[in-house]
Amino acid sequence: MNAGPPETPQAAACRLAERAIRDGFQLESLHCYCKADGSPAYWRIRAKHPGGDKWIRPMHWTGSSYALGESPVPPEGKLLYRLPELLADPRRTVWIVEGEACADALAKLGLTVTTSGSSSSADAADWSPLEGRNARLWPDHDAAGARYA
């Protein structure tokens, strides 16, 4: 009988970020990337140092424990963030932003929003769920945002 994971994703993120935390980083968030059916595929741990540096790492369930790194990438590309919500109503305009925190903030306002993650992640993502959709791109207002756009 499978008893399930021995720790929650939140506890695993704390464990896996332990060294960064010892170096002064503070955990800010844990973002879950889900498959179309809503089941978790992997998470992104985000921590920030008071000096401004960021520590962002993917984490996945191996079948017996949580480990740093992404789960295997499907042949069509990496999953988009908030994929189940994105697929829920294909008539809604989709806002494409840079980063999960921005996506979460806009989702709280009732918008359908997604991201591939960081400014360097667009080329590796599976954008096919947006095919035929009305989409608006809202990049960060910096050089990385311009590259992402």
Protein backbone atom coordinates (compact mmCIF):
# COMPACT_ATOMS: atom_id res chain seq x y z
CA MET A 1 0.00 0.00 0.00
CA ASN A 2 1.32 3.44 -0.95
CA ALA A 3 1.13 5.83 2.01
CA GLY A 4 1.87 8.84 -0.22
CA PRO A 5 4.69 11.33 0.08
CA PRO A 6 6.32 11.50 3.51
CA GLU A 7 6.34 15.29 3.44
CA THR A 8 4.29 18.07 1.92
CA PRO A 9 5.61 20.02 -1.06
CA GLN A 10 6.00 23.02 1.27
CA ALA A 11 8.10 21.03 3.74
CA ALA A 12 10.17 19.61 0.89
CA ALA A 13 10.80 23.11 -0.48
CA CYS A 14 12.08 24.21 2.94
CA ARG A 15 14.33 21.15 3.14
CA LEU A 16 15.67 21.57 -0.40
CA ALA A 17 16.27 25.30 0.08
CA GLU A 18 17.98 24.78 3.45
CA ARG A 19 21.42 25.90 2.23
CA ALA A 20 20.02 29.04 0.58
CA ILE A 21 18.11 29.81 3.78
CA ARG A 22 21.33 29.43 5.80
CA ASP A 23 22.92 31.91 3.34
CA GLY A 24 20.24 34.49 4.21
CA PHE A 25 17.61 33.82 1.56
CA GLN A 26 13.97 33.88 2.61
CA LEU A 27 11.38 31.62 1.01
CA GLU A 28 8.82 33.71 -0.82
CA SER A 29 6.67 31.20 -2.65
CA LEU A 30 6.21 27.74 -4.06
CA HIS A 31 4.54 27.63 -7.49
CA CYS A 32 2.95 24.41 -8.69
CA TYR A 33 3.00 23.61 -12.41
CA CYS A 34 0.10 21.25 -13.11
CA LYS A 35 -0.76 18.93 -15.95
CA ALA A 36 -3.98 19.53 -17.89
CA ASP A 37 -5.87 17.27 -15.45
CA GLY A 38 -4.76 19.40 -12.48
CA SER A 39 -2.25 16.92 -11.06
CA PRO A 40 1.11 18.41 -10.05
CA ALA A 41 4.00 17.97 -12.50
CA TYR A 42 6.63 20.03 -10.67
CA TRP A 43 7.05 23.07 -8.46
CA ARG A 44 9.25 26.14 -8.58
CA ILE A 45 10.76 27.27 -5.27
CA ARG A 46 11.38 31.00 -5.05
CA ALA A 47 13.53 32.66 -2.37
CA LYS A 48 14.97 36.14 -2.17
CA HIS A 49 17.95 37.56 -0.33
CA PRO A 50 17.61 40.92 1.47
CA GLY A 51 20.39 42.12 -0.85
CA GLY A 52 18.13 41.50 -3.86
CA ASP A 53 19.51 38.21 -5.22
CA LYS A 54 16.98 35.53 -6.20
CA TRP A 55 17.20 31.76 -5.69
CA ILE A 56 14.72 29.96 -7.95
CA ARG A 57 14.84 26.19 -8.37
CA PRO A 58 12.47 23.56 -9.76
CA MET A 59 11.43 20.62 -7.58
CA HIS A 60 9.61 17.41 -8.53
CA TRP A 61 8.27 14.22 -6.98
CA THR A 62 10.44 11.23 -7.96
CA GLY A 63 7.93 8.61 -6.89
CA SER A 64 9.52 8.24 -3.46
CA SER A 65 10.71 11.73 -2.50
CA TYR A 66 10.97 15.32 -3.62
CA ALA A 67 14.15 16.37 -5.42
CA LEU A 68 15.52 19.48 -7.05
CA GLY A 69 15.06 19.59 -10.83
CA GLU A 70 12.12 19.43 -13.19
CA SER A 71 10.23 16.29 -14.01
CA PRO A 72 10.93 14.94 -17.50
CA VAL A 73 9.90 17.48 -20.13
CA PRO A 74 7.20 16.27 -22.53
CA PRO A 75 8.26 16.16 -26.21
CA GLU A 76 6.03 19.14 -27.01
CA GLY A 77 7.75 21.31 -24.38
CA LYS A 78 7.44 22.47 -20.79
CA LEU A 79 4.05 23.04 -19.25
CA LEU A 80 2.60 26.51 -18.96
CA TYR A 81 1.88 27.81 -15.47
CA ARG A 82 -1.80 27.68 -14.38
CA LEU A 83 -2.55 25.29 -17.27
CA PRO A 84 -5.85 23.87 -15.90
CA GLU A 85 -7.27 27.41 -15.48
CA LEU A 86 -6.01 28.29 -18.95
CA LEU A 87 -7.85 25.32 -20.47
CA ALA A 88 -11.07 25.84 -18.48
CA ASP A 89 -12.58 28.45 -20.82
CA PRO A 90 -11.04 28.74 -24.30
CA ARG A 91 -13.16 31.84 -25.05
CA ARG A 92 -11.38 33.97 -22.46
CA THR A 93 -8.49 36.24 -23.33
CA VAL A 94 -5.21 34.92 -21.92
CA TRP A 95 -2.67 37.29 -20.41
CA ILE A 96 0.93 36.13 -20.85
CA VAL A 97 3.28 37.52 -18.23
CA GLU A 98 6.85 36.98 -17.09
CA GLY A 99 6.95 34.99 -13.87
CA GLU A 100 4.62 33.09 -11.60
CA ALA A 101 4.20 35.87 -9.01
CA CYS A 102 2.86 38.23 -11.65
CA ALA A 103 0.57 35.50 -12.99
CA ASP A 104 -0.80 34.81 -9.50
CA ALA A 105 -1.43 38.52 -8.86
CA LEU A 106 -3.42 38.90 -12.09
CA ALA A 107 -5.32 35.65 -11.48
CA LYS A 108 -6.49 37.08 -8.15
CA LEU A 109 -8.07 39.88 -10.19
CA GLY A 110 -10.05 37.28 -12.17
CA LEU A 111 -7.94 37.23 -15.33
CA THR A 112 -6.94 34.09 -17.20
CA VAL A 113 -3.16 34.26 -17.09
CA THR A 114 -0.14 32.13 -17.80
CA THR A 115 3.63 32.22 -18.01
CA SER A 116 6.38 29.93 -19.14
CA GLY A 117 8.34 31.10 -16.09
CA SER A 118 11.38 33.32 -16.34
CA SER A 119 12.42 35.58 -19.18
CA SER A 120 14.63 32.82 -20.63
CA SER A 121 11.97 30.09 -20.61
CA ALA A 122 9.77 30.98 -23.58
CA ASP A 123 11.55 28.89 -26.21
CA ALA A 124 11.27 25.68 -24.16
CA ALA A 125 7.53 26.00 -23.41
CA ASP A 126 4.59 24.24 -25.04
CA TRP A 127 2.47 27.17 -26.21
CA SER A 128 -0.03 24.94 -28.09
CA PRO A 129 -2.78 25.47 -25.45
CA LEU A 130 -2.96 29.08 -26.74
CA GLU A 131 -3.59 28.04 -30.34
CA GLY A 132 -6.60 29.95 -31.65
CA ARG A 133 -6.87 31.99 -28.44
CA ASN A 134 -6.96 35.73 -28.00
CA ALA A 135 -3.81 36.49 -26.00
CA ARG A 136 -2.24 39.64 -24.61
CA LEU A 137 1.45 39.83 -23.81
CA TRP A 138 2.39 41.84 -20.72
CA PRO A 139 6.19 41.57 -20.29
CA ASP A 140 8.22 43.15 -17.50
CA HIS A 141 9.45 46.64 -18.38
CA ASP A 142 13.16 45.79 -18.59
CA ALA A 143 15.67 44.22 -20.98
CA ALA A 144 14.77 40.69 -19.88
CA GLY A 145 11.08 41.45 -20.43
CA ALA A 146 11.80 42.72 -23.94
CA ARG A 147 13.65 39.47 -24.74
CA TYR A 148 10.77 37.45 -23.30
CA ALA A 149 8.24 39.35 -25.43
